[in-house]
């Protein structure tokens, strides 16, 4: 008889601090780029006519104490924002690598939220200027909140501005952060938020550009986490063309990132414009920022290794602390 550990979102939250998530992402990204992870490009299914998306994401982190085998199933339904439901929902399965026994089933929504922001923070540590402190958030949802939490841990934020298409949402975000002791200015336009910022995060569900390259200041670092489909984009061509571009996975970016595929199709850039994977920068095998004046761009699509490495950490802590419920399948 085998038993499987069931972990709810609240239990995952109790076991996963953001600073730990950032460290896990640094190790996982470096392992991926070093070839220590077996991971196919995400399998995606568009769910019409409901405007939904289903992604299936397996990964095997090979060798050493960090070895792990798992998979995430994630849905993305933009219309859920109008239904008071999360736009992203997910479940993660974790197996024993030697026997194939199912070790755990855990909520993946929070892990997706946190590992995305933690990956962005790891990239910002590697690419953004040390003194970068003016943050512009384009988007006022879950990822904006999580990115603010994560980026505060890696850069000395002195000013935060937020913009989103719905004024009520950006105002509510500013009020919520204010209640937490964080001063956030709600801006009437994306340009107003971005002008003079040295950290910019695009975290929207927009299929068309919300960030224009002409707004970017020299030395800025851009994190693009929306537009997960090849026909969507958050950045205009000029923003990409004038940036040193880094990705989580080169193969994934060339298959899924509309932010990069559109400029490639237009002939504004070629594949060499992608300077490297962020894991290569973290490992020191590819240079990141080469000048204080560089504009750097990290295009994040999310990878299975990020989910599996995080789930393995959560599982180990759950076993150590006796958290979760054992079930027989």
C-alpha atoms as a PDB file:
ATOM      1  CA  UNK A   1       0.000   0.000   0.000  1.00  0.00           C
ATOM      2  CA  UNK A   2       1.236   3.481  -0.826  1.00  0.00           C
ATOM      3  CA  UNK A   3       0.043   6.791   0.511  1.00  0.00           C
ATOM      4  CA  UNK A   4       0.088  10.198  -1.090  1.00  0.00           C
ATOM      5  CA  UNK A   5       0.365  13.519   0.715  1.00  0.00           C
ATOM      6  CA  UNK A   6      -2.339  16.057  -0.097  1.00  0.00           C
ATOM      7  CA  UNK A   7      -1.394  19.707   0.421  1.00  0.00           C
ATOM      8  CA  UNK A   8      -3.885  22.581   0.188  1.00  0.00           C
ATOM      9  CA  UNK A   9      -2.981  26.130  -0.813  1.00  0.00           C
ATOM     10  CA  UNK A  10      -2.973  27.367   2.776  1.00  0.00           C
ATOM     11  CA  UNK A  11      -0.534  24.612   3.721  1.00  0.00           C
ATOM     12  CA  UNK A  12       1.723  25.392   0.774  1.00  0.00           C
ATOM     13  CA  UNK A  13       1.701  29.047   1.857  1.00  0.00           C
ATOM     14  CA  UNK A  14       2.833  28.117   5.362  1.00  0.00           C
ATOM     15  CA  UNK A  15       5.789  26.157   3.992  1.00  0.00           C
ATOM     16  CA  UNK A  16       7.084  28.466   1.238  1.00  0.00           C
ATOM     17  CA  UNK A  17       8.558  31.877   2.140  1.00  0.00           C
ATOM     18  CA  UNK A  18       9.421  34.142  -0.789  1.00  0.00           C
ATOM     19  CA  UNK A  19      13.120  34.422   0.064  1.00  0.00           C
ATOM     20  CA  UNK A  20      13.395  30.629  -0.073  1.00  0.00           C
ATOM     21  CA  UNK A  21      11.526  30.581  -3.398  1.00  0.00           C
ATOM     22  CA  UNK A  22      14.064  32.994  -4.907  1.00  0.00           C
ATOM     23  CA  UNK A  23      16.954  30.734  -3.885  1.00  0.00           C
ATOM     24  CA  UNK A  24      15.171  27.667  -5.260  1.00  0.00           C
ATOM     25  CA  UNK A  25      14.673  29.450  -8.600  1.00  0.00           C
ATOM     26  CA  UNK A  26      18.328  30.460  -8.828  1.00  0.00           C
ATOM     27  CA  UNK A  27      19.369  26.832  -8.435  1.00  0.00           C
ATOM     28  CA  UNK A  28      16.651  25.447 -10.726  1.00  0.00           C
ATOM     29  CA  UNK A  29      17.341  27.905 -13.550  1.00  0.00           C
ATOM     30  CA  UNK A  30      21.075  27.256 -13.427  1.00  0.00           C
ATOM     31  CA  UNK A  31      20.459  23.491 -13.408  1.00  0.00           C
ATOM     32  CA  UNK A  32      18.167  23.771 -16.437  1.00  0.00           C
ATOM     33  CA  UNK A  33      20.669  25.741 -18.493  1.00  0.00           C
ATOM     34  CA  UNK A  34      23.456  23.355 -17.458  1.00  0.00           C
ATOM     35  CA  UNK A  35      21.526  20.409 -18.923  1.00  0.00           C
ATOM     36  CA  UNK A  36      20.655  18.820 -15.578  1.00  0.00           C
ATOM     37  CA  UNK A  37      16.899  18.942 -16.263  1.00  0.00           C
ATOM     38  CA  UNK A  38      14.861  16.826 -18.667  1.00  0.00           C
ATOM     39  CA  UNK A  39      11.917  18.960 -19.690  1.00  0.00           C
ATOM     40  CA  UNK A  40       9.924  19.147 -22.920  1.00  0.00           C
ATOM     41  CA  UNK A  41       8.440  22.414 -24.123  1.00  0.00           C
ATOM     42  CA  UNK A  42       5.050  22.939 -22.486  1.00  0.00           C
ATOM     43  CA  UNK A  43       2.131  21.211 -24.194  1.00  0.00           C
ATOM     44  CA  UNK A  44      -0.650  23.749 -24.686  1.00  0.00           C
ATOM     45  CA  UNK A  45      -4.297  23.287 -25.552  1.00  0.00           C
ATOM     46  CA  UNK A  46      -6.579  26.215 -26.358  1.00  0.00           C
ATOM     47  CA  UNK A  47     -10.070  25.620 -24.974  1.00  0.00           C
ATOM     48  CA  UNK A  48     -12.517  27.191 -27.381  1.00  0.00           C
ATOM     49  CA  UNK A  49     -15.090  28.733 -27.291  1.00  0.00           C
ATOM     50  CA  UNK A  50     -14.423  29.564 -23.638  1.00  0.00           C
ATOM     51  CA  UNK A  51     -11.228  31.526 -24.165  1.00  0.00           C
ATOM     52  CA  UNK A  52      -9.302  29.110 -21.965  1.00  0.00           C
ATOM     53  CA  UNK A  53      -5.901  27.472 -22.067  1.00  0.00           C
ATOM     54  CA  UNK A  54      -4.598  24.222 -20.580  1.00  0.00           C
ATOM     55  CA  UNK A  55      -0.881  23.672 -20.144  1.00  0.00           C
ATOM     56  CA  UNK A  56       0.812  20.375 -19.225  1.00  0.00           C
ATOM     57  CA  UNK A  57       4.336  20.674 -17.832  1.00  0.00           C
ATOM     58  CA  UNK A  58       6.468  17.677 -16.725  1.00  0.00           C
ATOM     59  CA  UNK A  59      10.096  17.835 -15.582  1.00  0.00           C
ATOM     60  CA  UNK A  60      12.814  15.625 -14.119  1.00  0.00           C
ATOM     61  CA  UNK A  61      15.548  17.360 -12.158  1.00  0.00           C
ATOM     62  CA  UNK A  62      18.365  14.840 -12.394  1.00  0.00           C
ATOM     63  CA  UNK A  63      21.033  13.887  -9.899  1.00  0.00           C
ATOM     64  CA  UNK A  64      22.041  14.950  -6.428  1.00  0.00           C
ATOM     65  CA  UNK A  65      20.007  15.823  -3.375  1.00  0.00           C
ATOM     66  CA  UNK A  66      17.723  18.046  -5.442  1.00  0.00           C
ATOM     67  CA  UNK A  67      16.535  15.239  -7.751  1.00  0.00           C
ATOM     68  CA  UNK A  68      12.801  15.472  -8.357  1.00  0.00           C
ATOM     69  CA  UNK A  69      10.150  14.241 -10.780  1.00  0.00           C
ATOM     70  CA  UNK A  70       6.863  16.033 -11.208  1.00  0.00           C
ATOM     71  CA  UNK A  71       4.329  17.658 -13.477  1.00  0.00           C
ATOM     72  CA  UNK A  72       1.965  20.596 -13.382  1.00  0.00           C
ATOM     73  CA  UNK A  73      -1.398  20.986 -15.072  1.00  0.00           C
ATOM     74  CA  UNK A  74      -2.367  24.652 -15.286  1.00  0.00           C
ATOM     75  CA  UNK A  75      -5.386  26.465 -16.710  1.00  0.00           C
ATOM     76  CA  UNK A  76      -5.475  30.097 -17.799  1.00  0.00           C
ATOM     77  CA  UNK A  77      -8.904  31.697 -18.289  1.00  0.00           C
ATOM     78  CA  UNK A  78      -8.735  35.472 -18.674  1.00  0.00           C
ATOM     79  CA  UNK A  79     -12.526  35.832 -18.315  1.00  0.00           C
ATOM     80  CA  UNK A  80     -12.311  34.540 -14.752  1.00  0.00           C
ATOM     81  CA  UNK A  81     -11.307  38.033 -13.675  1.00  0.00           C
ATOM     82  CA  UNK A  82     -14.941  39.030 -14.289  1.00  0.00           C
ATOM     83  CA  UNK A  83     -16.208  35.988 -12.358  1.00  0.00           C
ATOM     84  CA  UNK A  84     -14.224  36.682  -9.183  1.00  0.00           C
ATOM     85  CA  UNK A  85     -12.168  33.556  -9.898  1.00  0.00           C
ATOM     86  CA  UNK A  86      -8.389  33.222 -10.319  1.00  0.00           C
ATOM     87  CA  UNK A  87      -7.283  33.488 -13.944  1.00  0.00           C
ATOM     88  CA  UNK A  88      -4.649  30.818 -13.268  1.00  0.00           C
ATOM     89  CA  UNK A  89      -5.392  27.542 -11.467  1.00  0.00           C
ATOM     90  CA  UNK A  90      -3.087  24.573 -11.186  1.00  0.00           C
ATOM     91  CA  UNK A  91      -2.305  21.232  -9.580  1.00  0.00           C
ATOM     92  CA  UNK A  92       1.165  19.719  -9.146  1.00  0.00           C
ATOM     93  CA  UNK A  93       1.994  16.022  -8.863  1.00  0.00           C
ATOM     94  CA  UNK A  94       5.277  14.823  -7.387  1.00  0.00           C
ATOM     95  CA  UNK A  95       6.618  11.268  -7.848  1.00  0.00           C
ATOM     96  CA  UNK A  96       9.429   9.261  -6.288  1.00  0.00           C
ATOM     97  CA  UNK A  97      12.146   9.185  -8.947  1.00  0.00           C
ATOM     98  CA  UNK A  98      13.261   5.608  -8.140  1.00  0.00           C
ATOM     99  CA  UNK A  99       9.884   3.866  -7.926  1.00  0.00           C
ATOM    100  CA  UNK A 100       7.337   6.116  -9.643  1.00  0.00           C
ATOM    101  CA  UNK A 101       5.232   6.160  -6.472  1.00  0.00           C
ATOM    102  CA  UNK A 102       3.057   9.268  -6.269  1.00  0.00           C
ATOM    103  CA  UNK A 103       4.412  11.219  -3.309  1.00  0.00           C
ATOM    104  CA  UNK A 104       2.212  14.289  -3.297  1.00  0.00           C
ATOM    105  CA  UNK A 105      -0.679  16.144  -4.848  1.00  0.00           C
ATOM    106  CA  UNK A 106      -0.573  19.818  -4.066  1.00  0.00           C
ATOM    107  CA  UNK A 107      -2.253  23.032  -5.040  1.00  0.00           C
ATOM    108  CA  UNK A 108      -0.241  24.712  -7.770  1.00  0.00           C
ATOM    109  CA  UNK A 109      -1.934  28.102  -8.016  1.00  0.00           C
ATOM    110  CA  UNK A 110       0.116  29.673  -5.248  1.00  0.00           C
ATOM    111  CA  UNK A 111       3.299  27.924  -6.385  1.00  0.00           C
ATOM    112  CA  UNK A 112       2.752  29.307  -9.894  1.00  0.00           C
ATOM    113  CA  UNK A 113       2.225  32.785  -8.479  1.00  0.00           C
ATOM    114  CA  UNK A 114       5.254  32.681  -6.196  1.00  0.00           C
ATOM    115  CA  UNK A 115       7.748  30.928  -8.449  1.00  0.00           C
ATOM    116  CA  UNK A 116       6.955  33.365 -11.272  1.00  0.00           C
ATOM    117  CA  UNK A 117       7.770  36.349  -9.089  1.00  0.00           C
ATOM    118  CA  UNK A 118      10.739  34.563  -7.528  1.00  0.00           C
ATOM    119  CA  UNK A 119      12.152  33.835 -10.981  1.00  0.00           C
ATOM    120  CA  UNK A 120      11.761  37.500 -11.881  1.00  0.00           C
ATOM    121  CA  UNK A 121      13.559  38.481  -8.676  1.00  0.00           C
ATOM    122  CA  UNK A 122      16.397  36.065  -9.425  1.00  0.00           C
ATOM    123  CA  UNK A 123      16.705  37.598 -12.899  1.00  0.00           C
ATOM    124  CA  UNK A 124      16.621  41.124 -11.469  1.00  0.00           C
ATOM    125  CA  UNK A 125      19.429  40.230  -9.058  1.00  0.00           C
ATOM    126  CA  UNK A 126      21.498  39.139 -12.038  1.00  0.00           C
ATOM    127  CA  UNK A 127      20.552  41.873 -14.529  1.00  0.00           C
ATOM    128  CA  UNK A 128      19.213  45.028 -12.876  1.00  0.00           C
ATOM    129  CA  UNK A 129      21.486  47.774 -11.623  1.00  0.00           C
ATOM    130  CA  UNK A 130      22.310  47.361  -7.949  1.00  0.00           C
ATOM    131  CA  UNK A 131      20.811  50.739  -7.076  1.00  0.00           C
ATOM    132  CA  UNK A 132      17.617  50.245  -9.107  1.00  0.00           C
ATOM    133  CA  UNK A 133      14.771  51.481  -6.913  1.00  0.00           C
ATOM    134  CA  UNK A 134      11.953  52.947  -9.012  1.00  0.00           C
ATOM    135  CA  UNK A 135       9.506  50.182  -9.920  1.00  0.00           C
ATOM    136  CA  UNK A 136       6.709  50.402 -12.481  1.00  0.00           C
ATOM    137  CA  UNK A 137       4.071  47.684 -12.417  1.00  0.00           C
ATOM    138  CA  UNK A 138       1.911  47.355 -15.526  1.00  0.00           C
ATOM    139  CA  UNK A 139      -0.920  45.213 -14.238  1.00  0.00           C
ATOM    140  CA  UNK A 140      -2.565  45.252 -10.826  1.00  0.00           C
ATOM    141  CA  UNK A 141      -3.484  41.623 -10.254  1.00  0.00           C
ATOM    142  CA  UNK A 142      -1.997  38.691  -8.389  1.00  0.00           C
ATOM    143  CA  UNK A 143       1.331  38.838 -10.216  1.00  0.00           C
ATOM    144  CA  UNK A 144       1.756  42.540  -9.502  1.00  0.00           C
ATOM    145  CA  UNK A 145       1.346  41.828  -5.792  1.00  0.00           C
ATOM    146  CA  UNK A 146       3.714  38.892  -5.850  1.00  0.00           C
ATOM    147  CA  UNK A 147       6.341  40.740  -7.889  1.00  0.00           C
ATOM    148  CA  UNK A 148       6.297  43.661  -5.494  1.00  0.00           C
ATOM    149  CA  UNK A 149       6.880  41.249  -2.610  1.00  0.00           C
ATOM    150  CA  UNK A 150       9.731  39.489  -4.402  1.00  0.00           C
ATOM    151  CA  UNK A 151      11.507  42.515  -5.883  1.00  0.00           C
ATOM    152  CA  UNK A 152      11.531  44.249  -2.487  1.00  0.00           C
ATOM    153  CA  UNK A 153      13.822  41.451  -1.325  1.00  0.00           C
ATOM    154  CA  UNK A 154      16.464  41.975  -4.025  1.00  0.00           C
ATOM    155  CA  UNK A 155      16.492  45.723  -4.757  1.00  0.00           C
ATOM    156  CA  UNK A 156      16.077  48.825  -2.524  1.00  0.00           C
ATOM    157  CA  UNK A 157      12.698  50.002  -3.766  1.00  0.00           C
ATOM    158  CA  UNK A 158      12.121  53.671  -3.021  1.00  0.00           C
ATOM    159  CA  UNK A 159       9.226  54.364  -5.398  1.00  0.00           C
ATOM    160  CA  UNK A 160       6.471  52.123  -6.793  1.00  0.00           C
ATOM    161  CA  UNK A 161       3.954  53.063  -9.485  1.00  0.00           C
ATOM    162  CA  UNK A 162       1.136  50.942 -10.846  1.00  0.00           C
ATOM    163  CA  UNK A 163      -1.002  51.130 -13.958  1.00  0.00           C
ATOM    164  CA  UNK A 164      -3.696  48.849 -15.322  1.00  0.00           C
ATOM    165  CA  UNK A 165      -6.468  49.382 -17.850  1.00  0.00           C
ATOM    166  CA  UNK A 166      -9.175  49.520 -15.175  1.00  0.00           C
ATOM    167  CA  UNK A 167      -8.808  52.562 -12.935  1.00  0.00           C
ATOM    168  CA  UNK A 168     -10.707  50.923 -10.070  1.00  0.00           C
ATOM    169  CA  UNK A 169      -8.286  48.002 -10.063  1.00  0.00           C
ATOM    170  CA  UNK A 170      -5.126  50.113  -9.947  1.00  0.00           C
ATOM    171  CA  UNK A 171      -6.618  52.362  -7.264  1.00  0.00           C
ATOM    172  CA  UNK A 172      -7.596  49.320  -5.204  1.00  0.00           C
ATOM    173  CA  UNK A 173      -4.071  47.931  -5.575  1.00  0.00           C
ATOM    174  CA  UNK A 174      -2.548  51.179  -4.328  1.00  0.00           C
ATOM    175  CA  UNK A 175      -4.923  51.240  -1.349  1.00  0.00           C
ATOM    176  CA  UNK A 176      -4.223  47.601  -0.505  1.00  0.00           C
ATOM    177  CA  UNK A 177      -0.473  48.131  -0.591  1.00  0.00           C
ATOM    178  CA  UNK A 178      -0.882  51.304   1.455  1.00  0.00           C
ATOM    179  CA  UNK A 179      -2.678  49.302   4.129  1.00  0.00           C
ATOM    180  CA  UNK A 180       0.399  47.087   4.241  1.00  0.00           C
ATOM    181  CA  UNK A 181       2.643  50.095   4.769  1.00  0.00           C
ATOM    182  CA  UNK A 182       3.835  50.336   1.147  1.00  0.00           C
ATOM    183  CA  UNK A 183       3.335  53.583  -0.724  1.00  0.00           C
ATOM    184  CA  UNK A 184       2.227  52.902  -4.298  1.00  0.00           C
ATOM    185  CA  UNK A 185       1.172  55.592  -6.766  1.00  0.00           C
ATOM    186  CA  UNK A 186      -1.650  54.724  -9.168  1.00  0.00           C
ATOM    187  CA  UNK A 187      -0.943  56.208 -12.606  1.00  0.00           C
ATOM    188  CA  UNK A 188      -3.429  57.211 -15.265  1.00  0.00           C
ATOM    189  CA  UNK A 189      -1.340  55.902 -18.168  1.00  0.00           C
ATOM    190  CA  UNK A 190       1.273  53.220 -18.697  1.00  0.00           C
ATOM    191  CA  UNK A 191       3.683  55.853 -19.972  1.00  0.00           C
ATOM    192  CA  UNK A 192       3.329  57.838 -16.747  1.00  0.00           C
ATOM    193  CA  UNK A 193       4.186  54.718 -14.733  1.00  0.00           C
ATOM    194  CA  UNK A 194       7.182  53.743 -16.867  1.00  0.00           C
ATOM    195  CA  UNK A 195       8.874  57.107 -17.454  1.00  0.00           C
ATOM    196  CA  UNK A 196      12.043  57.245 -15.339  1.00  0.00           C
ATOM    197  CA  UNK A 197      11.536  53.792 -13.818  1.00  0.00           C
ATOM    198  CA  UNK A 198      14.554  51.516 -13.640  1.00  0.00           C
ATOM    199  CA  UNK A 199      12.545  48.353 -12.925  1.00  0.00           C
ATOM    200  CA  UNK A 200       9.488  47.628 -15.081  1.00  0.00           C
ATOM    201  CA  UNK A 201       7.219  44.592 -14.780  1.00  0.00           C
ATOM    202  CA  UNK A 202       4.565  43.800 -17.381  1.00  0.00           C
ATOM    203  CA  UNK A 203       2.077  41.389 -15.818  1.00  0.00           C
ATOM    204  CA  UNK A 204      -1.120  41.748 -17.803  1.00  0.00           C
ATOM    205  CA  UNK A 205      -3.427  39.562 -19.846  1.00  0.00           C
ATOM    206  CA  UNK A 206      -3.234  41.947 -22.796  1.00  0.00           C
ATOM    207  CA  UNK A 207      -2.712  40.386 -26.240  1.00  0.00           C
ATOM    208  CA  UNK A 208      -1.393  43.717 -27.610  1.00  0.00           C
ATOM    209  CA  UNK A 209       1.530  45.893 -26.445  1.00  0.00           C
ATOM    210  CA  UNK A 210       1.154  47.869 -23.230  1.00  0.00           C
ATOM    211  CA  UNK A 211       4.840  48.905 -23.049  1.00  0.00           C
ATOM    212  CA  UNK A 212       6.528  51.048 -25.711  1.00  0.00           C
ATOM    213  CA  UNK A 213      10.274  51.068 -26.095  1.00  0.00           C
ATOM    214  CA  UNK A 214      10.445  54.834 -26.452  1.00  0.00           C
ATOM    215  CA  UNK A 215       9.381  55.178 -22.818  1.00  0.00           C
ATOM    216  CA  UNK A 216      12.340  53.214 -21.447  1.00  0.00           C
ATOM    217  CA  UNK A 217      15.223  55.012 -19.758  1.00  0.00           C
ATOM    218  CA  UNK A 218      18.836  53.988 -20.231  1.00  0.00           C
ATOM    219  CA  UNK A 219      19.809  51.391 -17.643  1.00  0.00           C
ATOM    220  CA  UNK A 220      16.276  50.086 -17.106  1.00  0.00           C
ATOM    221  CA  UNK A 221      15.500  46.420 -16.510  1.00  0.00           C
ATOM    222  CA  UNK A 222      12.250  45.016 -17.905  1.00  0.00           C
ATOM    223  CA  UNK A 223      10.540  41.849 -16.705  1.00  0.00           C
ATOM    224  CA  UNK A 224       7.848  40.582 -19.078  1.00  0.00           C
ATOM    225  CA  UNK A 225       5.677  37.847 -17.574  1.00  0.00           C
ATOM    226  CA  UNK A 226       2.403  38.113 -19.492  1.00  0.00           C
ATOM    227  CA  UNK A 227       1.672  37.178 -23.137  1.00  0.00           C
ATOM    228  CA  UNK A 228       2.158  33.393 -22.778  1.00  0.00           C
ATOM    229  CA  UNK A 229       0.991  32.683 -26.332  1.00  0.00           C
ATOM    230  CA  UNK A 230       2.747  33.183 -29.674  1.00  0.00           C
ATOM    231  CA  UNK A 231      -0.034  35.465 -30.938  1.00  0.00           C
ATOM    232  CA  UNK A 232       0.027  37.744 -27.847  1.00  0.00           C
ATOM    233  CA  UNK A 233       2.504  40.437 -26.873  1.00  0.00           C
ATOM    234  CA  UNK A 234       2.919  42.999 -24.090  1.00  0.00           C
ATOM    235  CA  UNK A 235       5.966  44.790 -25.564  1.00  0.00           C
ATOM    236  CA  UNK A 236       6.253  46.681 -28.816  1.00  0.00           C
ATOM    237  CA  UNK A 237       9.015  45.822 -31.253  1.00  0.00           C
ATOM    238  CA  UNK A 238      11.193  48.790 -30.283  1.00  0.00           C
ATOM    239  CA  UNK A 239      11.216  47.740 -26.610  1.00  0.00           C
ATOM    240  CA  UNK A 240      12.601  44.354 -27.609  1.00  0.00           C
ATOM    241  CA  UNK A 241      14.982  45.661 -30.258  1.00  0.00           C
ATOM    242  CA  UNK A 242      16.737  48.122 -27.939  1.00  0.00           C
ATOM    243  CA  UNK A 243      17.157  45.617 -25.094  1.00  0.00           C
ATOM    244  CA  UNK A 244      19.669  42.917 -24.195  1.00  0.00           C
ATOM    245  CA  UNK A 245      17.219  40.011 -24.134  1.00  0.00           C
ATOM    246  CA  UNK A 246      17.363  37.007 -21.812  1.00  0.00           C
ATOM    247  CA  UNK A 247      14.852  34.169 -21.512  1.00  0.00           C
ATOM    248  CA  UNK A 248      14.140  31.282 -19.161  1.00  0.00           C
ATOM    249  CA  UNK A 249      14.281  28.735 -22.002  1.00  0.00           C
ATOM    250  CA  UNK A 250      15.465  29.552 -25.501  1.00  0.00           C
ATOM    251  CA  UNK A 251      13.419  26.677 -26.964  1.00  0.00           C
ATOM    252  CA  UNK A 252      10.312  27.754 -25.061  1.00  0.00           C
ATOM    253  CA  UNK A 253      10.693  31.406 -26.021  1.00  0.00           C
ATOM    254  CA  UNK A 254      11.059  30.616 -29.721  1.00  0.00           C
ATOM    255  CA  UNK A 255       7.943  28.442 -29.582  1.00  0.00           C
ATOM    256  CA  UNK A 256       5.651  30.489 -27.329  1.00  0.00           C
ATOM    257  CA  UNK A 257       6.714  34.113 -26.839  1.00  0.00           C
ATOM    258  CA  UNK A 258       4.775  36.547 -28.992  1.00  0.00           C
ATOM    259  CA  UNK A 259       6.924  39.314 -27.501  1.00  0.00           C
ATOM    260  CA  UNK A 260       9.882  37.826 -29.381  1.00  0.00           C
ATOM    261  CA  UNK A 261       8.191  36.069 -32.294  1.00  0.00           C
ATOM    262  CA  UNK A 262       6.563  39.247 -33.625  1.00  0.00           C
ATOM    263  CA  UNK A 263       9.866  41.195 -33.882  1.00  0.00           C
ATOM    264  CA  UNK A 264      11.495  38.107 -35.395  1.00  0.00           C
ATOM    265  CA  UNK A 265       8.806  37.864 -38.073  1.00  0.00           C
ATOM    266  CA  UNK A 266       9.120  41.575 -38.768  1.00  0.00           C
ATOM    267  CA  UNK A 267      12.868  41.233 -39.262  1.00  0.00           C
ATOM    268  CA  UNK A 268      13.600  43.753 -36.500  1.00  0.00           C
ATOM    269  CA  UNK A 269      15.745  41.176 -34.675  1.00  0.00           C
ATOM    270  CA  UNK A 270      17.164  37.731 -35.336  1.00  0.00           C
ATOM    271  CA  UNK A 271      17.625  34.826 -32.939  1.00  0.00           C
ATOM    272  CA  UNK A 272      21.077  36.071 -31.917  1.00  0.00           C
ATOM    273  CA  UNK A 273      19.300  38.997 -30.243  1.00  0.00           C
ATOM    274  CA  UNK A 274      18.510  36.561 -27.428  1.00  0.00           C
ATOM    275  CA  UNK A 275      21.766  36.860 -25.503  1.00  0.00           C
ATOM    276  CA  UNK A 276      21.177  33.799 -23.348  1.00  0.00           C
ATOM    277  CA  UNK A 277      19.090  31.968 -20.790  1.00  0.00           C
ATOM    278  CA  UNK A 278      18.924  33.497 -17.346  1.00  0.00           C
ATOM    279  CA  UNK A 279      20.303  30.238 -15.931  1.00  0.00           C
ATOM    280  CA  UNK A 280      23.463  30.803 -17.959  1.00  0.00           C
ATOM    281  CA  UNK A 281      23.819  34.279 -16.481  1.00  0.00           C
ATOM    282  CA  UNK A 282      23.310  32.909 -12.971  1.00  0.00           C
ATOM    283  CA  UNK A 283      25.958  30.252 -13.627  1.00  0.00           C
ATOM    284  CA  UNK A 284      28.380  32.869 -14.958  1.00  0.00           C
ATOM    285  CA  UNK A 285      28.695  31.313 -18.416  1.00  0.00           C
ATOM    286  CA  UNK A 286      26.950  34.178 -20.264  1.00  0.00           C
ATOM    287  CA  UNK A 287      27.402  37.879 -19.430  1.00  0.00           C
ATOM    288  CA  UNK A 288      24.327  39.762 -18.319  1.00  0.00           C
ATOM    289  CA  UNK A 289      24.448  43.540 -18.037  1.00  0.00           C
ATOM    290  CA  UNK A 290      27.593  44.876 -19.722  1.00  0.00           C
ATOM    291  CA  UNK A 291      27.055  48.583 -19.022  1.00  0.00           C
ATOM    292  CA  UNK A 292      25.082  50.791 -16.627  1.00  0.00           C
ATOM    293  CA  UNK A 293      23.360  52.153 -19.736  1.00  0.00           C
ATOM    294  CA  UNK A 294      22.169  48.769 -21.008  1.00  0.00           C
ATOM    295  CA  UNK A 295      18.439  48.146 -21.131  1.00  0.00           C
ATOM    296  CA  UNK A 296      17.974  44.528 -20.104  1.00  0.00           C
ATOM    297  CA  UNK A 297      14.888  42.434 -20.716  1.00  0.00           C
ATOM    298  CA  UNK A 298      13.954  39.133 -19.112  1.00  0.00           C
ATOM    299  CA  UNK A 299      11.137  37.355 -20.918  1.00  0.00           C
ATOM    300  CA  UNK A 300       9.583  34.825 -18.556  1.00  0.00           C
ATOM    301  CA  UNK A 301       7.255  32.121 -19.828  1.00  0.00           C
ATOM    302  CA  UNK A 302       7.538  29.806 -16.854  1.00  0.00           C
ATOM    303  CA  UNK A 303       9.008  26.315 -16.895  1.00  0.00           C
ATOM    304  CA  UNK A 304       8.093  22.991 -15.355  1.00  0.00           C
ATOM    305  CA  UNK A 305      11.412  22.797 -13.520  1.00  0.00           C
ATOM    306  CA  UNK A 306      10.416  25.896 -11.544  1.00  0.00           C
ATOM    307  CA  UNK A 307       7.224  24.203 -10.363  1.00  0.00           C
ATOM    308  CA  UNK A 308       8.785  20.814  -9.710  1.00  0.00           C
ATOM    309  CA  UNK A 309      11.766  22.189  -7.782  1.00  0.00           C
ATOM    310  CA  UNK A 310       9.434  24.310  -5.663  1.00  0.00           C
ATOM    311  CA  UNK A 311       7.036  21.410  -5.076  1.00  0.00           C
ATOM    312  CA  UNK A 312       9.923  19.187  -3.975  1.00  0.00           C
ATOM    313  CA  UNK A 313      10.984  21.818  -1.435  1.00  0.00           C
ATOM    314  CA  UNK A 314       7.420  22.158  -0.146  1.00  0.00           C
ATOM    315  CA  UNK A 315       7.063  18.371   0.111  1.00  0.00           C
ATOM    316  CA  UNK A 316      10.293  18.007   2.133  1.00  0.00           C
ATOM    317  CA  UNK A 317       9.227  20.727   4.558  1.00  0.00           C
ATOM    318  CA  UNK A 318       5.736  19.239   4.859  1.00  0.00           C
ATOM    319  CA  UNK A 319       7.208  15.867   5.851  1.00  0.00           C
ATOM    320  CA  UNK A 320       9.563  17.511   8.345  1.00  0.00           C
ATOM    321  CA  UNK A 321       6.726  19.462   9.960  1.00  0.00           C
ATOM    322  CA  UNK A 322       3.939  16.922   9.704  1.00  0.00           C
ATOM    323  CA  UNK A 323       1.814  19.165   7.477  1.00  0.00           C
ATOM    324  CA  UNK A 324      -0.789  17.805   5.057  1.00  0.00           C
ATOM    325  CA  UNK A 325      -3.120  14.819   4.893  1.00  0.00           C
ATOM    326  CA  UNK A 326      -2.175  11.331   3.750  1.00  0.00           C
ATOM    327  CA  UNK A 327      -4.594   9.661   1.367  1.00  0.00           C
ATOM    328  CA  UNK A 328      -4.807   6.282  -0.333  1.00  0.00           C
ATOM    329  CA  UNK A 329      -5.595   6.273  -4.029  1.00  0.00           C
END
